[in-house]
Amino acid sequence: MQEWIDKHLAELAIQGKSPKTIEGYRFDLIQFKKYLQDAMPEVQLAEISAIHVRGFLVWLSERPDGNRTLSRKLSALSSWFRYLKLNGIITEDIMRKIRRPKYERKLPKFFSESEMETLIRIPDIQTPLGLRNRAIFEILYSCGLRLMELASLRLGDVDYRKKLVRVTGKGNKQRIVPVNNSALDALNAYLKIRPNLAREGSSEKIFLTKSGKDFDARQLHRILGRYIALIAQEKGYSPHTIRHSFATHLLSRGADLRAIQEMLGHSELSTTEIYTHLSLEDIQAAYEKGHPRSGE
């Protein structure tokens, strides 16, 4: 069984699935394998059926895993069983007989526009690292980037004349995102002092650590989190909240949902639709204020 798990994950890597997704699937499939080995050690790979999957779900339901975790595990199993069917290991798509759990989608936290303005202005631009951090906040908010996308930006990815940024997202998919003048000004101010951070052997990545090395998402999360803690003491606010704020503020000002989908790099519109909560609140407020019979 482990051999076919490894083969499937290798196939996903070739298809361009992100390392994070592959590692998540690896954990889920090994957990399913261990469940079968403990509960039904005699079952063979070709004998696995929907009954075994349902038993796995019952076992999981007794653990502290939320429905979102169950949903991801079902996605991992669905992907694996399709692979096994394509390779003739099983004869039917087992997961067609499995009902997926329903779960409530939590609304994302976001900063208000004034909070974002405050956050952007916290770094001390009288220092090289302050200039860098101001530029990081400006680019994140202007373009709605993930931290790894920002870390991978190269000097040639910014078109200053057209005010566009080339972004490499999940699965190495590239997209073009507009960037505003405020972000470009902050970026230019940082680029003037970037040579002070660069060392021999430094890459062409735009943002460098104080030792001239490339950033990773963990380092960015730690640095930006210190600033965010100054204005958001409540648990759940993080650098990723800036991406949520980008989408929410665009939508509240009338941007098209599909345009936001493209800018965020979401493959499915349903992923972006979670941000409609704000526009629905605005619609309701307008209705209650303006409809002649709203008070009845």
C-alpha atoms as a PDB file:
ATOM      1  CA  MET A   1       0.000   0.000   0.000  1.00  0.00           C
ATOM      2  CA  GLN A   2       2.821   2.406   0.832  1.00  0.00           C
ATOM      3  CA  GLU A   3       4.289   1.889  -2.632  1.00  0.00           C
ATOM      4  CA  TRP A   4       1.095   3.132  -4.289  1.00  0.00           C
ATOM      5  CA  ILE A   5       0.870   6.071  -1.921  1.00  0.00           C
ATOM      6  CA  ASP A   6       4.423   7.099  -2.855  1.00  0.00           C
ATOM      7  CA  LYS A   7       3.738   6.640  -6.582  1.00  0.00           C
ATOM      8  CA  HIS A   8       0.609   8.782  -6.379  1.00  0.00           C
ATOM      9  CA  LEU A   9       2.349  11.576  -4.496  1.00  0.00           C
ATOM     10  CA  ALA A  10       5.194  11.538  -7.021  1.00  0.00           C
ATOM     11  CA  GLU A  11       2.612  11.874  -9.798  1.00  0.00           C
ATOM     12  CA  LEU A  12       1.030  14.865  -8.030  1.00  0.00           C
ATOM     13  CA  ALA A  13       4.433  16.535  -7.807  1.00  0.00           C
ATOM     14  CA  ILE A  14       4.909  16.100 -11.566  1.00  0.00           C
ATOM     15  CA  GLN A  15       1.466  17.633 -12.127  1.00  0.00           C
ATOM     16  CA  GLY A  16       2.578  20.740 -10.203  1.00  0.00           C
ATOM     17  CA  LYS A  17       0.726  20.275  -6.911  1.00  0.00           C
ATOM     18  CA  SER A  18       2.220  22.388  -4.150  1.00  0.00           C
ATOM     19  CA  PRO A  19       4.593  20.749  -1.640  1.00  0.00           C
ATOM     20  CA  LYS A  20       2.196  21.743   1.154  1.00  0.00           C
ATOM     21  CA  THR A  21      -0.704  19.917  -0.506  1.00  0.00           C
ATOM     22  CA  ILE A  22       1.418  16.843  -1.177  1.00  0.00           C
ATOM     23  CA  GLU A  23       2.628  16.678   2.427  1.00  0.00           C
ATOM     24  CA  GLY A  24      -0.953  17.057   3.657  1.00  0.00           C
ATOM     25  CA  TYR A  25      -2.081  14.208   1.394  1.00  0.00           C
ATOM     26  CA  ARG A  26       0.875  12.092   2.551  1.00  0.00           C
ATOM     27  CA  PHE A  27      -0.168  12.502   6.189  1.00  0.00           C
ATOM     28  CA  ASP A  28      -3.813  11.693   5.407  1.00  0.00           C
ATOM     29  CA  LEU A  29      -3.088   8.608   3.297  1.00  0.00           C
ATOM     30  CA  ILE A  30      -0.604   7.186   5.789  1.00  0.00           C
ATOM     31  CA  GLN A  31      -3.171   7.766   8.524  1.00  0.00           C
ATOM     32  CA  PHE A  32      -5.747   5.815   6.464  1.00  0.00           C
ATOM     33  CA  LYS A  33      -3.221   3.036   5.870  1.00  0.00           C
ATOM     34  CA  LYS A  34      -2.436   2.809   9.598  1.00  0.00           C
ATOM     35  CA  TYR A  35      -6.149   2.707  10.419  1.00  0.00           C
ATOM     36  CA  LEU A  36      -6.616  -0.259   8.065  1.00  0.00           C
ATOM     37  CA  GLN A  37      -3.557  -2.060   9.398  1.00  0.00           C
ATOM     38  CA  ASP A  38      -4.774  -1.664  12.995  1.00  0.00           C
ATOM     39  CA  ALA A  39      -8.491  -2.303  12.451  1.00  0.00           C
ATOM     40  CA  MET A  40      -8.462  -4.751   9.532  1.00  0.00           C
ATOM     41  CA  PRO A  41      -4.925  -6.086   9.015  1.00  0.00           C
ATOM     42  CA  GLU A  42      -6.120  -8.773   6.613  1.00  0.00           C
ATOM     43  CA  VAL A  43      -7.556  -6.384   4.001  1.00  0.00           C
ATOM     44  CA  GLN A  44      -5.652  -6.107   0.724  1.00  0.00           C
ATOM     45  CA  LEU A  45      -5.330  -2.971  -1.394  1.00  0.00           C
ATOM     46  CA  ALA A  46      -7.617  -4.299  -4.151  1.00  0.00           C
ATOM     47  CA  GLU A  47     -10.255  -5.204  -1.546  1.00  0.00           C
ATOM     48  CA  ILE A  48     -10.687  -1.717  -0.092  1.00  0.00           C
ATOM     49  CA  SER A  49     -14.287  -0.554  -0.403  1.00  0.00           C
ATOM     50  CA  ALA A  50     -16.577   2.263   0.697  1.00  0.00           C
ATOM     51  CA  ILE A  51     -17.214   0.316   3.909  1.00  0.00           C
ATOM     52  CA  HIS A  52     -13.567   0.747   4.891  1.00  0.00           C
ATOM     53  CA  VAL A  53     -13.676   4.469   4.151  1.00  0.00           C
ATOM     54  CA  ARG A  54     -16.839   4.882   6.226  1.00  0.00           C
ATOM     55  CA  GLY A  55     -15.155   3.038   9.095  1.00  0.00           C
ATOM     56  CA  PHE A  56     -12.231   5.427   8.804  1.00  0.00           C
ATOM     57  CA  LEU A  57     -14.598   8.406   8.984  1.00  0.00           C
ATOM     58  CA  VAL A  58     -16.299   7.020  12.091  1.00  0.00           C
ATOM     59  CA  TRP A  59     -12.875   6.526  13.676  1.00  0.00           C
ATOM     60  CA  LEU A  60     -11.923  10.112  12.785  1.00  0.00           C
ATOM     61  CA  SER A  61     -15.189  11.484  14.173  1.00  0.00           C
ATOM     62  CA  GLU A  62     -14.131  10.241  17.597  1.00  0.00           C
ATOM     63  CA  ARG A  63     -10.957  12.291  17.369  1.00  0.00           C
ATOM     64  CA  PRO A  64     -10.593  16.108  17.804  1.00  0.00           C
ATOM     65  CA  ASP A  65     -10.445  16.703  14.033  1.00  0.00           C
ATOM     66  CA  GLY A  66     -12.842  19.327  12.713  1.00  0.00           C
ATOM     67  CA  ASN A  67     -15.014  18.894   9.656  1.00  0.00           C
ATOM     68  CA  ARG A  68     -12.552  20.910   7.590  1.00  0.00           C
ATOM     69  CA  THR A  69      -9.887  18.326   8.388  1.00  0.00           C
ATOM     70  CA  LEU A  70     -12.259  15.523   7.421  1.00  0.00           C
ATOM     71  CA  SER A  71     -12.982  17.274   4.148  1.00  0.00           C
ATOM     72  CA  ARG A  72      -9.274  17.484   3.325  1.00  0.00           C
ATOM     73  CA  LYS A  73      -8.757  13.811   4.138  1.00  0.00           C
ATOM     74  CA  LEU A  74     -11.611  12.898   1.808  1.00  0.00           C
ATOM     75  CA  SER A  75      -9.967  14.961  -0.922  1.00  0.00           C
ATOM     76  CA  ALA A  76      -6.734  13.034  -0.402  1.00  0.00           C
ATOM     77  CA  LEU A  77      -8.562   9.696  -0.541  1.00  0.00           C
ATOM     78  CA  SER A  78     -10.541  10.732  -3.627  1.00  0.00           C
ATOM     79  CA  SER A  79      -7.358  11.675  -5.448  1.00  0.00           C
ATOM     80  CA  TRP A  80      -5.638   8.418  -4.443  1.00  0.00           C
ATOM     81  CA  PHE A  81      -8.536   6.130  -5.355  1.00  0.00           C
ATOM     82  CA  ARG A  82      -8.867   7.788  -8.781  1.00  0.00           C
ATOM     83  CA  TYR A  83      -5.176   7.091  -9.296  1.00  0.00           C
ATOM     84  CA  LEU A  84      -5.598   3.462  -8.226  1.00  0.00           C
ATOM     85  CA  LYS A  85      -8.552   3.016 -10.599  1.00  0.00           C
ATOM     86  CA  LEU A  86      -6.626   4.516 -13.515  1.00  0.00           C
ATOM     87  CA  ASN A  87      -3.828   2.026 -12.829  1.00  0.00           C
ATOM     88  CA  GLY A  88      -6.172  -0.946 -12.585  1.00  0.00           C
ATOM     89  CA  ILE A  89      -5.587  -1.611  -8.882  1.00  0.00           C
ATOM     90  CA  ILE A  90      -9.266  -1.177  -8.022  1.00  0.00           C
ATOM     91  CA  THR A  91     -12.276  -1.552 -10.297  1.00  0.00           C
ATOM     92  CA  GLU A  92     -14.588   1.245  -9.143  1.00  0.00           C
ATOM     93  CA  ASP A  93     -14.444   4.794  -7.848  1.00  0.00           C
ATOM     94  CA  ILE A  94     -15.022   4.113  -4.161  1.00  0.00           C
ATOM     95  CA  MET A  95     -15.522   7.742  -3.194  1.00  0.00           C
ATOM     96  CA  ARG A  96     -18.661   8.125  -5.322  1.00  0.00           C
ATOM     97  CA  LYS A  97     -20.469   6.240  -2.560  1.00  0.00           C
ATOM     98  CA  ILE A  98     -19.190   8.528   0.197  1.00  0.00           C
ATOM     99  CA  ARG A  99     -21.198  11.562   1.308  1.00  0.00           C
ATOM    100  CA  ARG A 100     -18.937  14.474   2.127  1.00  0.00           C
ATOM    101  CA  PRO A 101     -19.450  16.200   5.491  1.00  0.00           C
ATOM    102  CA  LYS A 102     -21.073  19.601   5.566  1.00  0.00           C
ATOM    103  CA  TYR A 103     -19.293  22.367   7.413  1.00  0.00           C
ATOM    104  CA  GLU A 104     -19.773  26.028   8.014  1.00  0.00           C
ATOM    105  CA  ARG A 105     -17.278  28.237   6.275  1.00  0.00           C
ATOM    106  CA  LYS A 106     -15.732  30.698   8.675  1.00  0.00           C
ATOM    107  CA  LEU A 107     -15.600  34.273   7.480  1.00  0.00           C
ATOM    108  CA  PRO A 108     -12.028  35.551   7.166  1.00  0.00           C
ATOM    109  CA  LYS A 109     -10.812  38.249   9.519  1.00  0.00           C
ATOM    110  CA  PHE A 110      -9.735  41.477   7.863  1.00  0.00           C
ATOM    111  CA  PHE A 111      -8.341  44.872   8.792  1.00  0.00           C
ATOM    112  CA  SER A 112     -10.372  48.004   8.215  1.00  0.00           C
ATOM    113  CA  GLU A 113      -8.984  50.477   5.695  1.00  0.00           C
ATOM    114  CA  SER A 114      -7.828  52.769   8.504  1.00  0.00           C
ATOM    115  CA  GLU A 115      -6.144  49.872  10.302  1.00  0.00           C
ATOM    116  CA  MET A 116      -4.280  48.989   7.108  1.00  0.00           C
ATOM    117  CA  GLU A 117      -3.108  52.578   6.769  1.00  0.00           C
ATOM    118  CA  THR A 118      -1.854  52.490  10.366  1.00  0.00           C
ATOM    119  CA  LEU A 119      -0.122  49.141   9.853  1.00  0.00           C
ATOM    120  CA  ILE A 120       1.672  50.304   6.716  1.00  0.00           C
ATOM    121  CA  ARG A 121       3.000  53.386   8.499  1.00  0.00           C
ATOM    122  CA  ILE A 122       4.380  51.620  11.584  1.00  0.00           C
ATOM    123  CA  PRO A 123       7.829  50.662  10.128  1.00  0.00           C
ATOM    124  CA  ASP A 124      10.464  53.334  10.725  1.00  0.00           C
ATOM    125  CA  ILE A 125      11.486  54.424   7.229  1.00  0.00           C
ATOM    126  CA  GLN A 126      14.525  56.221   8.610  1.00  0.00           C
ATOM    127  CA  THR A 127      16.198  52.788   8.750  1.00  0.00           C
ATOM    128  CA  PRO A 128      17.031  50.370   5.894  1.00  0.00           C
ATOM    129  CA  LEU A 129      14.996  47.555   7.418  1.00  0.00           C
ATOM    130  CA  GLY A 130      12.107  49.914   8.046  1.00  0.00           C
ATOM    131  CA  LEU A 131      12.127  50.926   4.372  1.00  0.00           C
ATOM    132  CA  ARG A 132      12.145  47.254   3.404  1.00  0.00           C
ATOM    133  CA  ASN A 133       9.295  46.390   5.767  1.00  0.00           C
ATOM    134  CA  ARG A 134       7.204  49.368   4.616  1.00  0.00           C
ATOM    135  CA  ALA A 135       7.636  48.181   1.027  1.00  0.00           C
ATOM    136  CA  ILE A 136       6.662  44.627   2.024  1.00  0.00           C
ATOM    137  CA  PHE A 137       3.420  45.826   3.619  1.00  0.00           C
ATOM    138  CA  GLU A 138       2.642  48.071   0.649  1.00  0.00           C
ATOM    139  CA  ILE A 139       3.169  45.274  -1.904  1.00  0.00           C
ATOM    140  CA  LEU A 140       1.225  42.716   0.128  1.00  0.00           C
ATOM    141  CA  TYR A 141      -1.766  45.038   0.445  1.00  0.00           C
ATOM    142  CA  SER A 142      -1.559  46.455  -3.070  1.00  0.00           C
ATOM    143  CA  CYS A 143      -1.417  43.036  -4.754  1.00  0.00           C
ATOM    144  CA  GLY A 144      -3.039  40.644  -2.260  1.00  0.00           C
ATOM    145  CA  LEU A 145      -0.059  38.282  -2.249  1.00  0.00           C
ATOM    146  CA  ARG A 146       0.645  35.211  -0.168  1.00  0.00           C
ATOM    147  CA  LEU A 147       3.890  35.425   1.827  1.00  0.00           C
ATOM    148  CA  MET A 148       5.660  32.850  -0.350  1.00  0.00           C
ATOM    149  CA  GLU A 149       4.596  34.759  -3.461  1.00  0.00           C
ATOM    150  CA  LEU A 150       6.109  37.934  -2.063  1.00  0.00           C
ATOM    151  CA  ALA A 151       9.292  36.093  -1.062  1.00  0.00           C
ATOM    152  CA  SER A 152       9.691  34.755  -4.613  1.00  0.00           C
ATOM    153  CA  LEU A 153       9.356  38.148  -6.352  1.00  0.00           C
ATOM    154  CA  ARG A 154      12.391  38.942  -8.491  1.00  0.00           C
ATOM    155  CA  LEU A 155      13.721  42.303  -9.644  1.00  0.00           C
ATOM    156  CA  GLY A 156      12.439  41.703 -13.162  1.00  0.00           C
ATOM    157  CA  ASP A 157       8.900  40.865 -12.059  1.00  0.00           C
ATOM    158  CA  VAL A 158       7.802  44.497 -11.656  1.00  0.00           C
ATOM    159  CA  ASP A 159       6.779  46.518 -14.713  1.00  0.00           C
ATOM    160  CA  TYR A 160       6.953  50.100 -13.468  1.00  0.00           C
ATOM    161  CA  ARG A 161       5.639  51.636 -16.682  1.00  0.00           C
ATOM    162  CA  LYS A 162       2.512  49.477 -16.868  1.00  0.00           C
ATOM    163  CA  LYS A 163       2.189  49.217 -13.065  1.00  0.00           C
ATOM    164  CA  LEU A 164       2.005  45.438 -13.092  1.00  0.00           C
ATOM    165  CA  VAL A 165       3.636  42.637 -11.071  1.00  0.00           C
ATOM    166  CA  ARG A 166       4.262  39.101 -12.315  1.00  0.00           C
ATOM    167  CA  VAL A 167       3.439  36.704  -9.467  1.00  0.00           C
ATOM    168  CA  THR A 168       4.361  33.024  -9.221  1.00  0.00           C
ATOM    169  CA  GLY A 169       1.689  31.274  -7.173  1.00  0.00           C
ATOM    170  CA  LYS A 170       0.768  27.750  -6.150  1.00  0.00           C
ATOM    171  CA  GLY A 171       1.876  25.057  -8.554  1.00  0.00           C
ATOM    172  CA  ASN A 172       4.250  27.574 -10.194  1.00  0.00           C
ATOM    173  CA  LYS A 173       1.277  29.193 -11.932  1.00  0.00           C
ATOM    174  CA  GLN A 174       1.955  32.781 -12.923  1.00  0.00           C
ATOM    175  CA  ARG A 175      -0.481  35.657 -12.941  1.00  0.00           C
ATOM    176  CA  ILE A 176      -0.273  39.409 -13.558  1.00  0.00           C
ATOM    177  CA  VAL A 177      -1.522  41.723 -10.814  1.00  0.00           C
ATOM    178  CA  PRO A 178      -1.849  45.536 -10.852  1.00  0.00           C
ATOM    179  CA  VAL A 179       0.201  47.515  -8.346  1.00  0.00           C
ATOM    180  CA  ASN A 180      -0.595  51.025  -7.137  1.00  0.00           C
ATOM    181  CA  ASN A 181       1.594  54.130  -7.016  1.00  0.00           C
ATOM    182  CA  SER A 182       1.957  54.073  -3.229  1.00  0.00           C
ATOM    183  CA  ALA A 183       3.412  50.560  -3.357  1.00  0.00           C
ATOM    184  CA  LEU A 184       5.715  51.447  -6.255  1.00  0.00           C
ATOM    185  CA  ASP A 185       6.990  54.522  -4.382  1.00  0.00           C
ATOM    186  CA  ALA A 186       7.716  52.429  -1.289  1.00  0.00           C
ATOM    187  CA  LEU A 187       9.396  49.791  -3.422  1.00  0.00           C
ATOM    188  CA  ASN A 188      11.599  52.353  -5.158  1.00  0.00           C
ATOM    189  CA  ALA A 189      12.644  53.812  -1.808  1.00  0.00           C
ATOM    190  CA  TYR A 190      13.638  50.343  -0.622  1.00  0.00           C
ATOM    191  CA  LEU A 191      15.459  49.439  -3.844  1.00  0.00           C
ATOM    192  CA  LYS A 192      17.740  52.439  -3.366  1.00  0.00           C
ATOM    193  CA  ILE A 193      19.086  50.901  -0.153  1.00  0.00           C
ATOM    194  CA  ARG A 194      18.807  47.243  -1.259  1.00  0.00           C
ATOM    195  CA  PRO A 195      22.516  47.234  -2.310  1.00  0.00           C
ATOM    196  CA  ASN A 196      23.332  47.797   1.373  1.00  0.00           C
ATOM    197  CA  LEU A 197      21.640  44.487   2.206  1.00  0.00           C
ATOM    198  CA  ALA A 198      22.909  42.501  -0.775  1.00  0.00           C
ATOM    199  CA  ARG A 199      26.040  40.407  -0.405  1.00  0.00           C
ATOM    200  CA  GLU A 200      28.188  38.528  -2.869  1.00  0.00           C
ATOM    201  CA  GLY A 201      26.052  35.634  -4.012  1.00  0.00           C
ATOM    202  CA  SER A 202      22.715  37.295  -3.153  1.00  0.00           C
ATOM    203  CA  SER A 203      19.935  36.316  -5.532  1.00  0.00           C
ATOM    204  CA  GLU A 204      17.769  38.527  -7.735  1.00  0.00           C
ATOM    205  CA  LYS A 205      14.886  38.282  -5.263  1.00  0.00           C
ATOM    206  CA  ILE A 206      13.520  41.730  -4.462  1.00  0.00           C
ATOM    207  CA  PHE A 207      13.313  41.350  -0.699  1.00  0.00           C
ATOM    208  CA  LEU A 208      16.391  40.256   1.227  1.00  0.00           C
ATOM    209  CA  THR A 209      17.058  39.562   4.890  1.00  0.00           C
ATOM    210  CA  LYS A 210      19.492  41.785   6.798  1.00  0.00           C
ATOM    211  CA  SER A 211      22.198  39.236   5.970  1.00  0.00           C
ATOM    212  CA  GLY A 212      21.447  39.428   2.235  1.00  0.00           C
ATOM    213  CA  LYS A 213      19.695  36.065   1.974  1.00  0.00           C
ATOM    214  CA  ASP A 214      16.330  35.127   0.489  1.00  0.00           C
ATOM    215  CA  PHE A 215      13.301  35.213   2.757  1.00  0.00           C
ATOM    216  CA  ASP A 216      11.119  32.235   3.503  1.00  0.00           C
ATOM    217  CA  ALA A 217       7.491  32.479   4.619  1.00  0.00           C
ATOM    218  CA  ARG A 218       8.311  31.708   8.251  1.00  0.00           C
ATOM    219  CA  GLN A 219      10.768  34.592   8.518  1.00  0.00           C
ATOM    220  CA  LEU A 220       8.314  37.006   6.912  1.00  0.00           C
ATOM    221  CA  HIS A 221       5.529  35.808   9.181  1.00  0.00           C
ATOM    222  CA  ARG A 222       7.651  36.438  12.264  1.00  0.00           C
ATOM    223  CA  ILE A 223       8.795  39.926  11.216  1.00  0.00           C
ATOM    224  CA  LEU A 224       5.404  41.172  10.043  1.00  0.00           C
ATOM    225  CA  GLY A 225       3.632  39.555  12.972  1.00  0.00           C
ATOM    226  CA  ARG A 226       5.445  41.873  15.380  1.00  0.00           C
ATOM    227  CA  TYR A 227       3.927  44.891  13.674  1.00  0.00           C
ATOM    228  CA  ILE A 228       0.471  43.317  13.430  1.00  0.00           C
ATOM    229  CA  ALA A 229       0.495  42.566  17.175  1.00  0.00           C
ATOM    230  CA  LEU A 230       0.678  46.315  17.806  1.00  0.00           C
ATOM    231  CA  ILE A 231      -2.760  46.935  16.286  1.00  0.00           C
ATOM    232  CA  ALA A 232      -4.478  43.528  16.546  1.00  0.00           C
ATOM    233  CA  GLN A 233      -4.269  41.824  19.915  1.00  0.00           C
ATOM    234  CA  GLU A 234      -7.121  39.435  19.112  1.00  0.00           C
ATOM    235  CA  LYS A 235      -6.074  35.912  18.138  1.00  0.00           C
ATOM    236  CA  GLY A 236      -6.352  35.062  14.457  1.00  0.00           C
ATOM    237  CA  TYR A 237      -4.816  38.147  12.862  1.00  0.00           C
ATOM    238  CA  SER A 238      -1.685  37.411  10.856  1.00  0.00           C
ATOM    239  CA  PRO A 239       0.153  38.566   7.727  1.00  0.00           C
ATOM    240  CA  HIS A 240      -2.358  36.509   5.715  1.00  0.00           C
ATOM    241  CA  THR A 241      -5.066  38.834   7.050  1.00  0.00           C
ATOM    242  CA  ILE A 242      -3.616  41.482   4.726  1.00  0.00           C
ATOM    243  CA  ARG A 243      -4.568  39.293   1.750  1.00  0.00           C
ATOM    244  CA  HIS A 244      -8.105  38.962   3.129  1.00  0.00           C
ATOM    245  CA  SER A 245      -8.237  42.725   3.621  1.00  0.00           C
ATOM    246  CA  PHE A 246      -7.121  43.306   0.021  1.00  0.00           C
ATOM    247  CA  ALA A 247      -9.999  41.199  -1.319  1.00  0.00           C
ATOM    248  CA  THR A 248     -12.601  42.514   1.103  1.00  0.00           C
ATOM    249  CA  HIS A 249     -11.767  46.172   0.463  1.00  0.00           C
ATOM    250  CA  LEU A 250     -11.819  45.700  -3.310  1.00  0.00           C
ATOM    251  CA  LEU A 251     -15.193  43.990  -3.177  1.00  0.00           C
ATOM    252  CA  SER A 252     -16.695  46.598  -0.850  1.00  0.00           C
ATOM    253  CA  ARG A 253     -15.693  49.292  -3.345  1.00  0.00           C
ATOM    254  CA  GLY A 254     -17.425  47.517  -6.213  1.00  0.00           C
ATOM    255  CA  ALA A 255     -14.705  45.386  -7.822  1.00  0.00           C
ATOM    256  CA  ASP A 256     -15.892  42.428  -9.884  1.00  0.00           C
ATOM    257  CA  LEU A 257     -15.639  39.109  -8.060  1.00  0.00           C
ATOM    258  CA  ARG A 258     -14.051  37.342 -11.023  1.00  0.00           C
ATOM    259  CA  ALA A 259     -11.401  40.050 -11.287  1.00  0.00           C
ATOM    260  CA  ILE A 260     -10.606  39.534  -7.609  1.00  0.00           C
ATOM    261  CA  GLN A 261     -10.416  35.784  -8.265  1.00  0.00           C
ATOM    262  CA  GLU A 262      -7.789  36.371 -10.952  1.00  0.00           C
ATOM    263  CA  MET A 263      -5.772  38.743  -8.784  1.00  0.00           C
ATOM    264  CA  LEU A 264      -5.773  36.313  -5.852  1.00  0.00           C
ATOM    265  CA  GLY A 265      -4.857  33.372  -8.072  1.00  0.00           C
ATOM    266  CA  HIS A 266      -7.838  31.249  -7.000  1.00  0.00           C
ATOM    267  CA  SER A 267      -8.533  28.408  -9.411  1.00  0.00           C
ATOM    268  CA  GLU A 268     -12.207  28.252  -8.373  1.00  0.00           C
ATOM    269  CA  LEU A 269     -14.602  31.165  -8.006  1.00  0.00           C
ATOM    270  CA  SER A 270     -16.179  29.441  -4.994  1.00  0.00           C
ATOM    271  CA  THR A 271     -12.939  30.052  -3.084  1.00  0.00           C
ATOM    272  CA  THR A 272     -13.259  33.789  -3.681  1.00  0.00           C
ATOM    273  CA  GLU A 273     -16.979  33.955  -2.895  1.00  0.00           C
ATOM    274  CA  ILE A 274     -16.266  33.866   0.833  1.00  0.00           C
ATOM    275  CA  TYR A 275     -15.437  37.569   0.571  1.00  0.00           C
ATOM    276  CA  THR A 276     -18.982  38.452  -0.489  1.00  0.00           C
ATOM    277  CA  HIS A 277     -19.942  38.641   3.203  1.00  0.00           C
ATOM    278  CA  LEU A 278     -19.055  42.314   3.282  1.00  0.00           C
ATOM    279  CA  SER A 279     -20.962  43.274   0.159  1.00  0.00           C
ATOM    280  CA  LEU A 280     -24.014  41.370   1.452  1.00  0.00           C
ATOM    281  CA  GLU A 281     -23.853  43.371   4.682  1.00  0.00           C
ATOM    282  CA  ASP A 282     -23.659  46.569   2.647  1.00  0.00           C
ATOM    283  CA  ILE A 283     -26.635  45.483   0.548  1.00  0.00           C
ATOM    284  CA  GLN A 284     -28.669  44.699   3.655  1.00  0.00           C
ATOM    285  CA  ALA A 285     -27.793  48.046   5.244  1.00  0.00           C
ATOM    286  CA  ALA A 286     -28.758  49.885   2.054  1.00  0.00           C
ATOM    287  CA  TYR A 287     -32.030  47.956   1.897  1.00  0.00           C
ATOM    288  CA  GLU A 288     -32.960  48.697   5.488  1.00  0.00           C
ATOM    289  CA  LYS A 289     -32.109  52.360   5.005  1.00  0.00           C
ATOM    290  CA  GLY A 290     -33.694  52.863   1.619  1.00  0.00           C
ATOM    291  CA  HIS A 291     -36.597  50.444   1.062  1.00  0.00           C
ATOM    292  CA  PRO A 292     -39.922  52.091   1.877  1.00  0.00           C
ATOM    293  CA  ARG A 293     -41.248  48.980   3.615  1.00  0.00           C
ATOM    294  CA  SER A 294     -38.064  47.757   5.311  1.00  0.00           C
ATOM    295  CA  GLY A 295     -39.320  48.808   8.754  1.00  0.00           C
ATOM    296  CA  GLU A 296     -42.496  46.745   8.589  1.00  0.00           C
END
